[in-house]
Amino acid sequence: MRKLTHGSLFSGIGGFDLAADWMGWENKFHCEWNEFGQKVLHHYWPEAECFTDITKSDFTKY
């Protein structure tokens, strides 16, 4: 069975990313402009791509 994937926008410190993790989904990317939020997200999901500005990000590969 294929694993479900998740991407989050306006991610904050990863509340929805954590819920997706608990559900067994793979976190592919997150988008957060706040530096502290970015550090938290990178700490817990280092394999996920991190975007900082939603207006300048290209999500087409997802």
PDB file of N, CA and C in Angstrom:
ATOM      1  N   MET A   1       0.841  -1.181   0.000  1.00  0.00           N
ATOM      2  CA  MET A   1       0.000   0.000   0.000  1.00  0.00           C
ATOM      3  C   MET A   1       0.884   1.242   0.000  1.00  0.00           C
ATOM      4  N   ARG A   2       0.517   2.216  -0.799  1.00  0.00           N
ATOM      5  CA  ARG A   2       1.278   3.452  -0.907  1.00  0.00           C
ATOM      6  C   ARG A   2       1.071   4.319   0.336  1.00  0.00           C
ATOM      7  N   LYS A   3       2.145   4.903   0.833  1.00  0.00           N
ATOM      8  CA  LYS A   3       2.075   5.771   2.006  1.00  0.00           C
ATOM      9  C   LYS A   3       1.496   7.132   1.601  1.00  0.00           C
ATOM     10  N   LEU A   4       0.586   7.660   2.402  1.00  0.00           N
ATOM     11  CA  LEU A   4       0.026   8.981   2.132  1.00  0.00           C
ATOM     12  C   LEU A   4       1.071  10.039   2.436  1.00  0.00           C
ATOM     13  N   THR A   5       0.982  11.154   1.712  1.00  0.00           N
ATOM     14  CA  THR A   5       1.923  12.245   1.921  1.00  0.00           C
ATOM     15  C   THR A   5       1.188  13.499   2.366  1.00  0.00           C
ATOM     16  N   HIS A   6       1.936  14.419   2.952  1.00  0.00           N
ATOM     17  CA  HIS A   6       1.363  15.624   3.531  1.00  0.00           C
ATOM     18  C   HIS A   6       2.285  16.800   3.267  1.00  0.00           C
ATOM     19  N   GLY A   7       1.715  17.937   2.957  1.00  0.00           N
ATOM     20  CA  GLY A   7       2.444  19.193   2.849  1.00  0.00           C
ATOM     21  C   GLY A   7       1.658  20.253   3.589  1.00  0.00           C
ATOM     22  N   SER A   8       2.340  21.125   4.306  1.00  0.00           N
ATOM     23  CA  SER A   8       1.599  22.130   5.073  1.00  0.00           C
ATOM     24  C   SER A   8       2.019  23.543   4.705  1.00  0.00           C
ATOM     25  N   LEU A   9       1.033  24.424   4.676  1.00  0.00           N
ATOM     26  CA  LEU A   9       1.236  25.846   4.444  1.00  0.00           C
ATOM     27  C   LEU A   9       0.903  26.584   5.729  1.00  0.00           C
ATOM     28  N   PHE A  10       1.595  27.687   5.981  1.00  0.00           N
ATOM     29  CA  PHE A  10       1.411  28.447   7.221  1.00  0.00           C
ATOM     30  C   PHE A  10       1.576  27.492   8.406  1.00  0.00           C
ATOM     31  N   SER A  11       2.691  26.789   8.425  1.00  0.00           N
ATOM     32  CA  SER A  11       2.908  25.620   9.276  1.00  0.00           C
ATOM     33  C   SER A  11       3.088  25.903  10.760  1.00  0.00           C
ATOM     34  N   GLY A  12       3.476  27.117  11.114  1.00  0.00           N
ATOM     35  CA  GLY A  12       3.712  27.401  12.532  1.00  0.00           C
ATOM     36  C   GLY A  12       4.812  26.514  13.074  1.00  0.00           C
ATOM     37  N   ILE A  13       4.533  25.834  14.185  1.00  0.00           N
ATOM     38  CA  ILE A  13       5.528  24.919  14.757  1.00  0.00           C
ATOM     39  C   ILE A  13       5.185  23.459  14.467  1.00  0.00           C
ATOM     40  N   GLY A  14       4.279  23.236  13.522  1.00  0.00           N
ATOM     41  CA  GLY A  14       4.069  21.880  13.025  1.00  0.00           C
ATOM     42  C   GLY A  14       2.954  21.072  13.656  1.00  0.00           C
ATOM     43  N   GLY A  15       1.899  21.718  14.116  1.00  0.00           N
ATOM     44  CA  GLY A  15       0.777  20.979  14.705  1.00  0.00           C
ATOM     45  C   GLY A  15       0.162  19.970  13.744  1.00  0.00           C
ATOM     46  N   PHE A  16      -0.134  20.418  12.523  1.00  0.00           N
ATOM     47  CA  PHE A  16      -0.714  19.504  11.537  1.00  0.00           C
ATOM     48  C   PHE A  16       0.324  18.506  11.030  1.00  0.00           C
ATOM     49  N   ASP A  17       1.583  18.926  10.991  1.00  0.00           N
ATOM     50  CA  ASP A  17       2.654  18.007  10.581  1.00  0.00           C
ATOM     51  C   ASP A  17       2.771  16.864  11.593  1.00  0.00           C
ATOM     52  N   LEU A  18       2.651  17.200  12.865  1.00  0.00           N
ATOM     53  CA  LEU A  18       2.710  16.184  13.917  1.00  0.00           C
ATOM     54  C   LEU A  18       1.531  15.219  13.802  1.00  0.00           C
ATOM     55  N   ALA A  19       0.338  15.761  13.576  1.00  0.00           N
ATOM     56  CA  ALA A  19      -0.841  14.905  13.416  1.00  0.00           C
ATOM     57  C   ALA A  19      -0.673  13.975  12.210  1.00  0.00           C
ATOM     58  N   ALA A  20      -0.132  14.505  11.119  1.00  0.00           N
ATOM     59  CA  ALA A  20       0.114  13.676   9.933  1.00  0.00           C
ATOM     60  C   ALA A  20       1.114  12.570  10.254  1.00  0.00           C
ATOM     61  N   ASP A  21       2.142  12.912  11.023  1.00  0.00           N
ATOM     62  CA  ASP A  21       3.135  11.924  11.461  1.00  0.00           C
ATOM     63  C   ASP A  21       2.467  10.810  12.264  1.00  0.00           C
ATOM     64  N   TRP A  22       1.608  11.187  13.184  1.00  0.00           N
ATOM     65  CA  TRP A  22       0.896  10.207  14.016  1.00  0.00           C
ATOM     66  C   TRP A  22       0.022   9.285  13.169  1.00  0.00           C
ATOM     67  N   MET A  23      -0.486   9.806  12.060  1.00  0.00           N
ATOM     68  CA  MET A  23      -1.335   9.010  11.166  1.00  0.00           C
ATOM     69  C   MET A  23      -0.515   8.126  10.227  1.00  0.00           C
ATOM     70  N   GLY A  24       0.821   8.274  10.284  1.00  0.00           N
ATOM     71  CA  GLY A  24       1.679   7.469   9.429  1.00  0.00           C
ATOM     72  C   GLY A  24       1.927   8.077   8.057  1.00  0.00           C
ATOM     73  N   TRP A  25       1.557   9.346   7.890  1.00  0.00           N
ATOM     74  CA  TRP A  25       1.772  10.019   6.623  1.00  0.00           C
ATOM     75  C   TRP A  25       3.204  10.537   6.554  1.00  0.00           C
ATOM     76  N   GLU A  26       3.706  10.723   5.348  1.00  0.00           N
ATOM     77  CA  GLU A  26       5.048  11.264   5.146  1.00  0.00           C
ATOM     78  C   GLU A  26       4.953  12.771   4.904  1.00  0.00           C
ATOM     79  N   ASN A  27       5.637  13.559   5.730  1.00  0.00           N
ATOM     80  CA  ASN A  27       5.657  15.013   5.561  1.00  0.00           C
ATOM     81  C   ASN A  27       6.655  15.379   4.466  1.00  0.00           C
ATOM     82  N   LYS A  28       6.141  15.889   3.352  1.00  0.00           N
ATOM     83  CA  LYS A  28       6.978  16.214   2.196  1.00  0.00           C
ATOM     84  C   LYS A  28       7.525  17.636   2.251  1.00  0.00           C
ATOM     85  N   PHE A  29       6.688  18.589   2.676  1.00  0.00           N
ATOM     86  CA  PHE A  29       7.150  19.975   2.740  1.00  0.00           C
ATOM     87  C   PHE A  29       6.321  20.757   3.744  1.00  0.00           C
ATOM     88  N   HIS A  30       6.873  21.884   4.137  1.00  0.00           N
ATOM     89  CA  HIS A  30       6.144  22.848   4.948  1.00  0.00           C
ATOM     90  C   HIS A  30       6.574  24.244   4.516  1.00  0.00           C
ATOM     91  N   CYS A  31       5.726  25.210   4.780  1.00  0.00           N
ATOM     92  CA  CYS A  31       6.002  26.588   4.404  1.00  0.00           C
ATOM     93  C   CYS A  31       5.724  27.471   5.615  1.00  0.00           C
ATOM     94  N   GLU A  32       6.767  28.079   6.138  1.00  0.00           N
ATOM     95  CA  GLU A  32       6.641  28.933   7.326  1.00  0.00           C
ATOM     96  C   GLU A  32       7.658  30.062   7.232  1.00  0.00           C
ATOM     97  N   TRP A  33       7.213  31.290   7.439  1.00  0.00           N
ATOM     98  CA  TRP A  33       8.117  32.437   7.335  1.00  0.00           C
ATOM     99  C   TRP A  33       8.832  32.738   8.647  1.00  0.00           C
ATOM    100  N   ASN A  34       8.250  32.365   9.773  1.00  0.00           N
ATOM    101  CA  ASN A  34       8.831  32.659  11.085  1.00  0.00           C
ATOM    102  C   ASN A  34      10.071  31.803  11.340  1.00  0.00           C
ATOM    103  N   GLU A  35      11.181  32.449  11.722  1.00  0.00           N
ATOM    104  CA  GLU A  35      12.450  31.732  11.901  1.00  0.00           C
ATOM    105  C   GLU A  35      12.383  30.671  12.995  1.00  0.00           C
ATOM    106  N   PHE A  36      11.726  30.973  14.107  1.00  0.00           N
ATOM    107  CA  PHE A  36      11.618  29.984  15.180  1.00  0.00           C
ATOM    108  C   PHE A  36      10.823  28.772  14.698  1.00  0.00           C
ATOM    109  N   GLY A  37       9.704  29.024  14.019  1.00  0.00           N
ATOM    110  CA  GLY A  37       8.904  27.931  13.469  1.00  0.00           C
ATOM    111  C   GLY A  37       9.707  27.081  12.496  1.00  0.00           C
ATOM    112  N   GLN A  38      10.524  27.725  11.665  1.00  0.00           N
ATOM    113  CA  GLN A  38      11.368  26.998  10.714  1.00  0.00           C
ATOM    114  C   GLN A  38      12.341  26.073  11.435  1.00  0.00           C
ATOM    115  N   LYS A  39      12.930  26.569  12.530  1.00  0.00           N
ATOM    116  CA  LYS A  39      13.884  25.755  13.299  1.00  0.00           C
ATOM    117  C   LYS A  39      13.204  24.530  13.902  1.00  0.00           C
ATOM    118  N   VAL A  40      12.011  24.722  14.449  1.00  0.00           N
ATOM    119  CA  VAL A  40      11.263  23.603  15.034  1.00  0.00           C
ATOM    120  C   VAL A  40      10.930  22.576  13.953  1.00  0.00           C
ATOM    121  N   LEU A  41      10.418  23.052  12.825  1.00  0.00           N
ATOM    122  CA  LEU A  41      10.051  22.155  11.728  1.00  0.00           C
ATOM    123  C   LEU A  41      11.259  21.382  11.211  1.00  0.00           C
ATOM    124  N   HIS A  42      12.386  22.076  11.042  1.00  0.00           N
ATOM    125  CA  HIS A  42      13.588  21.397  10.543  1.00  0.00           C
ATOM    126  C   HIS A  42      14.111  20.377  11.555  1.00  0.00           C
ATOM    127  N   HIS A  43      13.963  20.686  12.832  1.00  0.00           N
ATOM    128  CA  HIS A  43      14.424  19.756  13.871  1.00  0.00           C
ATOM    129  C   HIS A  43      13.643  18.437  13.821  1.00  0.00           C
ATOM    130  N   TYR A  44      12.327  18.532  13.714  1.00  0.00           N
ATOM    131  CA  TYR A  44      11.488  17.331  13.762  1.00  0.00           C
ATOM    132  C   TYR A  44      11.314  16.645  12.405  1.00  0.00           C
ATOM    133  N   TRP A  45      11.406  17.410  11.312  1.00  0.00           N
ATOM    134  CA  TRP A  45      11.235  16.841   9.972  1.00  0.00           C
ATOM    135  C   TRP A  45      12.365  17.318   9.054  1.00  0.00           C
ATOM    136  N   PRO A  46      13.596  16.885   9.320  1.00  0.00           N
ATOM    137  CA  PRO A  46      14.732  17.365   8.510  1.00  0.00           C
ATOM    138  C   PRO A  46      14.671  16.918   7.049  1.00  0.00           C
ATOM    139  N   GLU A  47      13.942  15.837   6.768  1.00  0.00           N
ATOM    140  CA  GLU A  47      13.853  15.346   5.393  1.00  0.00           C
ATOM    141  C   GLU A  47      12.833  16.119   4.558  1.00  0.00           C
ATOM    142  N   ALA A  48      11.955  16.889   5.210  1.00  0.00           N
ATOM    143  CA  ALA A  48      10.929  17.652   4.492  1.00  0.00           C
ATOM    144  C   ALA A  48      11.527  18.952   3.948  1.00  0.00           C
ATOM    145  N   GLU A  49      11.096  19.321   2.755  1.00  0.00           N
ATOM    146  CA  GLU A  49      11.567  20.572   2.167  1.00  0.00           C
ATOM    147  C   GLU A  49      10.897  21.738   2.882  1.00  0.00           C
ATOM    148  N   CYS A  50      11.674  22.781   3.168  1.00  0.00           N
ATOM    149  CA  CYS A  50      11.147  23.934   3.898  1.00  0.00           C
ATOM    150  C   CYS A  50      11.118  25.155   2.987  1.00  0.00           C
ATOM    151  N   PHE A  51       9.931  25.688   2.778  1.00  0.00           N
ATOM    152  CA  PHE A  51       9.761  26.923   2.027  1.00  0.00           C
ATOM    153  C   PHE A  51       9.518  28.045   3.025  1.00  0.00           C
ATOM    154  N   THR A  52       9.991  29.255   2.681  1.00  0.00           N
ATOM    155  CA  THR A  52       9.841  30.361   3.624  1.00  0.00           C
ATOM    156  C   THR A  52       8.827  31.409   3.176  1.00  0.00           C
ATOM    157  N   ASP A  53       8.649  31.588   1.888  1.00  0.00           N
ATOM    158  CA  ASP A  53       7.732  32.611   1.386  1.00  0.00           C
ATOM    159  C   ASP A  53       6.761  31.967   0.404  1.00  0.00           C
ATOM    160  N   ILE A  54       5.516  31.888   0.796  1.00  0.00           N
ATOM    161  CA  ILE A  54       4.513  31.207  -0.035  1.00  0.00           C
ATOM    162  C   ILE A  54       4.327  31.892  -1.388  1.00  0.00           C
ATOM    163  N   THR A  55       4.563  33.207  -1.440  1.00  0.00           N
ATOM    164  CA  THR A  55       4.369  33.932  -2.698  1.00  0.00           C
ATOM    165  C   THR A  55       5.495  33.682  -3.696  1.00  0.00           C
ATOM    166  N   LYS A  56       6.626  33.149  -3.222  1.00  0.00           N
ATOM    167  CA  LYS A  56       7.775  32.907  -4.101  1.00  0.00           C
ATOM    168  C   LYS A  56       8.133  31.426  -4.191  1.00  0.00           C
ATOM    169  N   SER A  57       7.242  30.565  -3.741  1.00  0.00           N
ATOM    170  CA  SER A  57       7.522  29.127  -3.710  1.00  0.00           C
ATOM    171  C   SER A  57       6.827  28.416  -4.864  1.00  0.00           C
ATOM    172  N   ASP A  58       7.476  27.375  -5.361  1.00  0.00           N
ATOM    173  CA  ASP A  58       6.923  26.567  -6.447  1.00  0.00           C
ATOM    174  C   ASP A  58       6.622  25.166  -5.908  1.00  0.00           C
ATOM    175  N   PHE A  59       5.350  24.859  -5.773  1.00  0.00           N
ATOM    176  CA  PHE A  59       4.917  23.578  -5.220  1.00  0.00           C
ATOM    177  C   PHE A  59       4.520  22.581  -6.305  1.00  0.00           C
ATOM    178  N   THR A  60       4.804  22.875  -7.567  1.00  0.00           N
ATOM    179  CA  THR A  60       4.313  22.040  -8.665  1.00  0.00           C
ATOM    180  C   THR A  60       4.862  20.620  -8.643  1.00  0.00           C
ATOM    181  N   LYS A  61       6.027  20.394  -8.051  1.00  0.00           N
ATOM    182  CA  LYS A  61       6.551  19.023  -8.031  1.00  0.00           C
ATOM    183  C   LYS A  61       5.824  18.140  -7.022  1.00  0.00           C
ATOM    184  N   TYR A  62       4.991  18.730  -6.198  1.00  0.00           N
ATOM    185  CA  TYR A  62       4.224  17.957  -5.231  1.00  0.00           C
ATOM    186  C   TYR A  62       2.810  17.776  -5.721  1.00  0.00           C
TER     187      TYR A  62
END
